Amino acid sequence: MTGLKQRRGARGEEWAEQVLLDAGMVIIDRNWRCRNGEIDLIALDEVEGESVIVFCEVKYRTGTGYGTPLESITFEKVRRLRRLAGQWLSQHPLEAPAIRMDAIGVLDLRDQPLQITHVRGIS
């Protein structure tokens, strides 16, 4: 990734992290990497009194020439996120009765308000 692209992606992840924090979640890991890939954000959510570990994919775009940020999250990307979540869980002794895969799309169009979309429970 080029330096500018990395900085923009990091900025998108910071905005996405704030969305999760504003929703009352606690960030427990960020940019977790292993040889098979990366999980952008991992958070703990409280749903009906139960803890849920949330694995979140963040997509940042500055245009829609290739579609919206969320349109780039394919079935294969969700499948990979699930495999990575399994690896993360095997390395961290955190227990929760449930896990969830979320996605946050950040669309940063020039001269327009920032558009952030959070989708809970992608599959």
N, C-alpha and C. Protein backbone atom coordinates (compact mmCIF):
# COMPACT_ATOMS: atom_id res chain seq x y z
N MET A 1 0.83 -1.17 0.00
CA MET A 1 0.00 0.00 0.00
C MET A 1 0.88 1.24 0.00
N THR A 2 0.50 2.24 -0.73
CA THR A 2 1.28 3.46 -0.76
C THR A 2 1.06 4.24 0.53
N GLY A 3 1.96 5.18 0.80
CA GLY A 3 1.87 5.96 2.03
C GLY A 3 0.56 6.72 2.14
N LEU A 4 0.14 7.41 1.06
CA LEU A 4 -1.11 8.16 1.10
C LEU A 4 -2.30 7.24 1.32
N LYS A 5 -2.30 6.12 0.63
CA LYS A 5 -3.41 5.16 0.78
C LYS A 5 -3.45 4.61 2.20
N GLN A 6 -2.29 4.33 2.78
CA GLN A 6 -2.23 3.84 4.16
C GLN A 6 -2.76 4.89 5.13
N ARG A 7 -2.36 6.14 4.94
CA ARG A 7 -2.82 7.21 5.84
C ARG A 7 -4.33 7.38 5.74
N ARG A 8 -4.86 7.33 4.51
CA ARG A 8 -6.31 7.46 4.34
C ARG A 8 -7.03 6.28 4.98
N GLY A 9 -6.51 5.08 4.78
CA GLY A 9 -7.12 3.89 5.39
C GLY A 9 -7.10 3.98 6.90
N ALA A 10 -5.99 4.45 7.47
CA ALA A 10 -5.88 4.59 8.91
C ALA A 10 -6.88 5.62 9.42
N ARG A 11 -7.06 6.70 8.67
CA ARG A 11 -8.03 7.72 9.06
C ARG A 11 -9.45 7.14 9.04
N GLY A 12 -9.75 6.35 8.01
CA GLY A 12 -11.05 5.69 7.93
C GLY A 12 -11.28 4.76 9.10
N GLU A 13 -10.24 4.03 9.50
CA GLU A 13 -10.36 3.14 10.66
C GLU A 13 -10.57 3.92 11.95
N GLU A 14 -9.94 5.10 12.06
CA GLU A 14 -10.16 5.93 13.25
C GLU A 14 -11.61 6.39 13.33
N TRP A 15 -12.18 6.80 12.20
CA TRP A 15 -13.59 7.21 12.18
C TRP A 15 -14.49 6.02 12.52
N ALA A 16 -14.16 4.85 11.96
CA ALA A 16 -14.95 3.64 12.23
C ALA A 16 -14.87 3.27 13.71
N GLU A 17 -13.69 3.39 14.27
CA GLU A 17 -13.53 3.10 15.70
C GLU A 17 -14.42 4.02 16.53
N GLN A 18 -14.48 5.28 16.15
CA GLN A 18 -15.32 6.22 16.89
C GLN A 18 -16.80 5.84 16.79
N VAL A 19 -17.22 5.32 15.64
CA VAL A 19 -18.61 4.86 15.48
C VAL A 19 -18.91 3.75 16.49
N LEU A 20 -17.97 2.81 16.62
CA LEU A 20 -18.17 1.71 17.58
C LEU A 20 -18.18 2.23 19.01
N LEU A 21 -17.28 3.14 19.32
CA LEU A 21 -17.24 3.73 20.67
C LEU A 21 -18.54 4.49 20.96
N ASP A 22 -19.02 5.26 19.99
CA ASP A 22 -20.26 6.01 20.16
C ASP A 22 -21.45 5.07 20.36
N ALA A 23 -21.35 3.85 19.84
CA ALA A 23 -22.42 2.86 20.00
C ALA A 23 -22.30 2.12 21.34
N GLY A 24 -21.33 2.53 22.17
CA GLY A 24 -21.18 1.94 23.49
C GLY A 24 -20.27 0.72 23.54
N MET A 25 -19.58 0.43 22.44
CA MET A 25 -18.69 -0.73 22.43
C MET A 25 -17.32 -0.36 23.00
N VAL A 26 -16.59 -1.37 23.39
CA VAL A 26 -15.23 -1.22 23.91
C VAL A 26 -14.29 -1.86 22.89
N ILE A 27 -13.31 -1.12 22.42
CA ILE A 27 -12.34 -1.65 21.46
C ILE A 27 -11.35 -2.52 22.22
N ILE A 28 -11.19 -3.78 21.78
CA ILE A 28 -10.26 -4.67 22.48
C ILE A 28 -9.04 -5.01 21.63
N ASP A 29 -9.10 -4.73 20.33
CA ASP A 29 -7.94 -4.95 19.46
C ASP A 29 -8.14 -4.15 18.18
N ARG A 30 -7.03 -3.76 17.59
CA ARG A 30 -7.07 -2.97 16.35
C ARG A 30 -5.95 -3.44 15.44
N ASN A 31 -6.28 -3.63 14.18
CA ASN A 31 -5.31 -4.06 13.17
C ASN A 31 -4.55 -5.32 13.59
N TRP A 32 -5.30 -6.30 14.10
CA TRP A 32 -4.68 -7.58 14.47
C TRP A 32 -4.29 -8.32 13.21
N ARG A 33 -3.04 -8.77 13.17
CA ARG A 33 -2.52 -9.44 11.98
C ARG A 33 -1.98 -10.82 12.32
N CYS A 34 -2.14 -11.69 11.35
CA CYS A 34 -1.48 -12.99 11.38
C CYS A 34 -1.07 -13.28 9.94
N ARG A 35 -0.48 -14.42 9.71
CA ARG A 35 0.00 -14.71 8.35
C ARG A 35 -1.13 -14.86 7.33
N ASN A 36 -2.35 -15.04 7.81
CA ASN A 36 -3.49 -15.23 6.91
C ASN A 36 -4.29 -13.96 6.62
N GLY A 37 -3.95 -12.86 7.29
CA GLY A 37 -4.67 -11.63 7.03
C GLY A 37 -4.75 -10.72 8.24
N GLU A 38 -5.70 -9.80 8.18
CA GLU A 38 -5.84 -8.78 9.22
C GLU A 38 -7.30 -8.55 9.55
N ILE A 39 -7.56 -8.30 10.83
CA ILE A 39 -8.87 -7.86 11.28
C ILE A 39 -8.72 -6.40 11.67
N ASP A 40 -9.53 -5.53 11.08
CA ASP A 40 -9.39 -4.09 11.32
C ASP A 40 -9.69 -3.70 12.76
N LEU A 41 -10.86 -4.07 13.24
CA LEU A 41 -11.26 -3.70 14.61
C LEU A 41 -11.95 -4.88 15.29
N ILE A 42 -11.65 -5.04 16.56
CA ILE A 42 -12.32 -6.06 17.38
C ILE A 42 -12.85 -5.33 18.61
N ALA A 43 -14.14 -5.51 18.86
CA ALA A 43 -14.78 -4.78 19.95
C ALA A 43 -15.63 -5.70 20.79
N LEU A 44 -16.00 -5.22 21.94
CA LEU A 44 -16.90 -5.93 22.83
C LEU A 44 -18.18 -5.11 22.91
N ASP A 45 -19.30 -5.75 22.57
CA ASP A 45 -20.61 -5.11 22.59
C ASP A 45 -21.46 -5.79 23.64
N GLU A 46 -22.40 -5.07 24.17
CA GLU A 46 -23.34 -5.61 25.15
C GLU A 46 -24.71 -5.65 24.47
N VAL A 47 -25.25 -6.86 24.29
CA VAL A 47 -26.54 -7.03 23.64
C VAL A 47 -27.45 -7.82 24.58
N GLU A 48 -28.51 -7.19 25.03
CA GLU A 48 -29.47 -7.80 25.94
C GLU A 48 -28.79 -8.44 27.15
N GLY A 49 -27.83 -7.70 27.70
CA GLY A 49 -27.14 -8.16 28.90
C GLY A 49 -26.04 -9.19 28.66
N GLU A 50 -25.79 -9.54 27.41
CA GLU A 50 -24.75 -10.53 27.08
C GLU A 50 -23.62 -9.86 26.31
N SER A 51 -22.40 -10.29 26.57
CA SER A 51 -21.25 -9.77 25.84
C SER A 51 -21.15 -10.44 24.47
N VAL A 52 -20.86 -9.64 23.47
CA VAL A 52 -20.68 -10.13 22.11
C VAL A 52 -19.34 -9.60 21.61
N ILE A 53 -18.50 -10.49 21.10
CA ILE A 53 -17.24 -10.06 20.49
C ILE A 53 -17.55 -9.72 19.03
N VAL A 54 -17.20 -8.50 18.63
CA VAL A 54 -17.50 -8.01 17.30
C VAL A 54 -16.21 -7.90 16.49
N PHE A 55 -16.18 -8.57 15.35
CA PHE A 55 -15.06 -8.50 14.42
C PHE A 55 -15.52 -7.62 13.27
N CYS A 56 -14.83 -6.50 13.07
CA CYS A 56 -15.32 -5.48 12.16
C CYS A 56 -14.36 -5.23 10.99
N GLU A 57 -14.90 -5.33 9.80
CA GLU A 57 -14.19 -5.00 8.57
C GLU A 57 -14.50 -3.55 8.22
N VAL A 58 -13.46 -2.77 7.95
CA VAL A 58 -13.62 -1.36 7.61
C VAL A 58 -13.18 -1.16 6.17
N LYS A 59 -14.03 -0.49 5.40
CA LYS A 59 -13.69 -0.15 4.01
C LYS A 59 -13.81 1.36 3.85
N TYR A 60 -12.75 1.96 3.34
CA TYR A 60 -12.68 3.41 3.14
C TYR A 60 -12.52 3.69 1.66
N ARG A 61 -13.31 4.63 1.16
CA ARG A 61 -13.21 5.01 -0.25
C ARG A 61 -13.30 6.53 -0.37
N THR A 62 -12.65 7.05 -1.40
CA THR A 62 -12.74 8.48 -1.71
C THR A 62 -13.55 8.72 -2.98
N GLY A 63 -14.15 7.68 -3.51
CA GLY A 63 -14.98 7.78 -4.71
C GLY A 63 -15.82 6.53 -4.86
N THR A 64 -16.75 6.58 -5.81
CA THR A 64 -17.64 5.44 -6.02
C THR A 64 -17.43 4.79 -7.38
N GLY A 65 -16.29 5.06 -8.02
CA GLY A 65 -16.01 4.47 -9.32
C GLY A 65 -16.01 2.95 -9.30
N TYR A 66 -15.68 2.38 -8.17
CA TYR A 66 -15.69 0.91 -8.01
C TYR A 66 -16.81 0.47 -7.07
N GLY A 67 -17.80 1.32 -6.88
CA GLY A 67 -18.91 1.02 -5.99
C GLY A 67 -18.70 1.65 -4.62
N THR A 68 -19.68 1.48 -3.77
CA THR A 68 -19.59 2.02 -2.41
C THR A 68 -18.62 1.16 -1.60
N PRO A 69 -18.15 1.68 -0.46
CA PRO A 69 -17.23 0.89 0.35
C PRO A 69 -17.81 -0.48 0.73
N LEU A 70 -19.06 -0.52 1.14
CA LEU A 70 -19.65 -1.78 1.59
C LEU A 70 -19.86 -2.76 0.44
N GLU A 71 -20.02 -2.27 -0.79
CA GLU A 71 -20.17 -3.17 -1.93
C GLU A 71 -18.91 -3.98 -2.19
N SER A 72 -17.78 -3.53 -1.66
CA SER A 72 -16.53 -4.27 -1.88
C SER A 72 -16.36 -5.44 -0.91
N ILE A 73 -17.27 -5.58 0.04
CA ILE A 73 -17.18 -6.69 1.00
C ILE A 73 -17.94 -7.88 0.42
N THR A 74 -17.18 -8.79 -0.15
CA THR A 74 -17.75 -9.96 -0.82
C THR A 74 -17.96 -11.11 0.16
N PHE A 75 -18.66 -12.13 -0.33
CA PHE A 75 -18.85 -13.34 0.47
C PHE A 75 -17.50 -13.92 0.88
N GLU A 76 -16.55 -13.92 -0.02
CA GLU A 76 -15.21 -14.47 0.28
C GLU A 76 -14.52 -13.65 1.38
N LYS A 77 -14.68 -12.32 1.37
CA LYS A 77 -14.07 -11.50 2.41
C LYS A 77 -14.70 -11.79 3.77
N VAL A 78 -16.00 -12.00 3.80
CA VAL A 78 -16.67 -12.35 5.06
C VAL A 78 -16.20 -13.72 5.54
N ARG A 79 -16.05 -14.65 4.63
CA ARG A 79 -15.55 -15.98 4.97
C ARG A 79 -14.14 -15.91 5.56
N ARG A 80 -13.29 -15.08 4.95
CA ARG A 80 -11.93 -14.90 5.47
C ARG A 80 -11.97 -14.25 6.84
N LEU A 81 -12.86 -13.27 7.04
CA LEU A 81 -12.99 -12.61 8.33
C LEU A 81 -13.39 -13.63 9.40
N ARG A 82 -14.28 -14.55 9.06
CA ARG A 82 -14.69 -15.59 10.01
C ARG A 82 -13.51 -16.49 10.38
N ARG A 83 -12.70 -16.87 9.38
CA ARG A 83 -11.52 -17.70 9.67
C ARG A 83 -10.54 -16.95 10.56
N LEU A 84 -10.31 -15.67 10.26
CA LEU A 84 -9.41 -14.87 11.07
C LEU A 84 -9.95 -14.72 12.49
N ALA A 85 -11.26 -14.55 12.62
CA ALA A 85 -11.88 -14.45 13.95
C ALA A 85 -11.62 -15.72 14.75
N GLY A 86 -11.71 -16.86 14.10
CA GLY A 86 -11.42 -18.13 14.77
C GLY A 86 -9.98 -18.18 15.25
N GLN A 87 -9.06 -17.69 14.43
CA GLN A 87 -7.65 -17.65 14.84
C GLN A 87 -7.45 -16.70 16.02
N TRP A 88 -8.09 -15.52 15.95
CA TRP A 88 -7.95 -14.56 17.04
C TRP A 88 -8.48 -15.17 18.34
N LEU A 89 -9.64 -15.81 18.26
CA LEU A 89 -10.24 -16.42 19.44
C LEU A 89 -9.36 -17.52 20.03
N SER A 90 -8.67 -18.26 19.17
CA SER A 90 -7.80 -19.33 19.66
C SER A 90 -6.57 -18.78 20.38
N GLN A 91 -6.22 -17.52 20.13
CA GLN A 91 -5.04 -16.91 20.75
C GLN A 91 -5.36 -15.99 21.92
N HIS A 92 -6.64 -15.72 22.14
CA HIS A 92 -7.04 -14.80 23.20
C HIS A 92 -8.05 -15.49 24.11
N PRO A 93 -7.80 -15.50 25.40
CA PRO A 93 -8.67 -16.24 26.33
C PRO A 93 -9.98 -15.51 26.69
N LEU A 94 -10.34 -14.51 25.91
CA LEU A 94 -11.57 -13.78 26.17
C LEU A 94 -12.78 -14.65 25.84
N GLU A 95 -13.72 -14.72 26.76
CA GLU A 95 -14.91 -15.54 26.53
C GLU A 95 -16.13 -14.65 26.42
N ALA A 96 -16.98 -14.98 25.50
CA ALA A 96 -18.26 -14.30 25.32
C ALA A 96 -19.22 -15.32 24.73
N PRO A 97 -20.50 -15.21 25.04
CA PRO A 97 -21.45 -16.20 24.53
C PRO A 97 -21.70 -16.10 23.03
N ALA A 98 -21.28 -15.00 22.41
CA ALA A 98 -21.55 -14.84 20.98
C ALA A 98 -20.49 -14.00 20.31
N ILE A 99 -20.38 -14.18 19.00
CA ILE A 99 -19.55 -13.32 18.18
C ILE A 99 -20.42 -12.77 17.05
N ARG A 100 -19.94 -11.68 16.46
CA ARG A 100 -20.68 -11.06 15.35
C ARG A 100 -19.68 -10.44 14.39
N MET A 101 -19.99 -10.50 13.11
CA MET A 101 -19.19 -9.85 12.08
C MET A 101 -19.92 -8.58 11.65
N ASP A 102 -19.26 -7.44 11.76
CA ASP A 102 -19.82 -6.16 11.35
C ASP A 102 -18.97 -5.58 10.22
N ALA A 103 -19.54 -4.60 9.54
CA ALA A 103 -18.80 -3.87 8.51
C ALA A 103 -19.11 -2.39 8.66
N ILE A 104 -18.09 -1.58 8.43
CA ILE A 104 -18.27 -0.13 8.42
C ILE A 104 -17.69 0.39 7.12
N GLY A 105 -18.51 1.10 6.38
CA GLY A 105 -18.09 1.74 5.15
C GLY A 105 -17.93 3.22 5.38
N VAL A 106 -16.78 3.76 4.95
CA VAL A 106 -16.51 5.19 5.09
C VAL A 106 -16.33 5.74 3.68
N LEU A 107 -17.20 6.66 3.30
CA LEU A 107 -17.14 7.29 1.99
C LEU A 107 -16.80 8.76 2.19
N ASP A 108 -15.62 9.14 1.71
CA ASP A 108 -15.06 10.47 1.92
C ASP A 108 -14.95 11.17 0.56
N LEU A 109 -16.08 11.71 0.10
CA LEU A 109 -16.11 12.40 -1.18
C LEU A 109 -15.72 13.87 -1.01
N ARG A 110 -14.95 14.37 -1.93
CA ARG A 110 -14.49 15.75 -1.88
C ARG A 110 -15.70 16.70 -1.83
N ASP A 111 -15.62 17.70 -0.98
CA ASP A 111 -16.64 18.75 -0.86
C ASP A 111 -18.02 18.22 -0.46
N GLN A 112 -18.07 17.05 0.18
CA GLN A 112 -19.34 16.50 0.66
C GLN A 112 -19.13 16.01 2.09
N PRO A 113 -20.20 15.97 2.86
CA PRO A 113 -20.07 15.45 4.23
C PRO A 113 -19.62 13.98 4.21
N LEU A 114 -18.84 13.62 5.19
CA LEU A 114 -18.40 12.24 5.36
C LEU A 114 -19.61 11.33 5.54
N GLN A 115 -19.61 10.20 4.84
CA GLN A 115 -20.70 9.23 4.96
C GLN A 115 -20.16 7.95 5.59
N ILE A 116 -20.69 7.61 6.75
CA ILE A 116 -20.26 6.40 7.45
C ILE A 116 -21.47 5.51 7.66
N THR A 117 -21.35 4.26 7.23
CA THR A 117 -22.43 3.29 7.35
C THR A 117 -21.94 2.09 8.15
N HIS A 118 -22.66 1.76 9.23
CA HIS A 118 -22.31 0.62 10.08
C HIS A 118 -23.37 -0.45 9.89
N VAL A 119 -22.95 -1.62 9.44
CA VAL A 119 -23.86 -2.75 9.27
C VAL A 119 -23.50 -3.82 10.28
N ARG A 120 -24.44 -4.15 11.12
CA ARG A 120 -24.23 -5.18 12.15
C ARG A 120 -24.65 -6.54 11.59
N GLY A 121 -23.83 -7.53 11.85
CA GLY A 121 -24.19 -8.89 11.48
C GLY A 121 -24.16 -9.18 10.00
N ILE A 122 -23.02 -8.96 9.38
CA ILE A 122 -22.89 -9.30 7.96
C ILE A 122 -22.70 -10.80 7.82
N SER A 123 -23.10 -11.34 6.68
CA SER A 123 -22.91 -12.79 6.46
C SER A 123 -22.59 -13.08 5.01
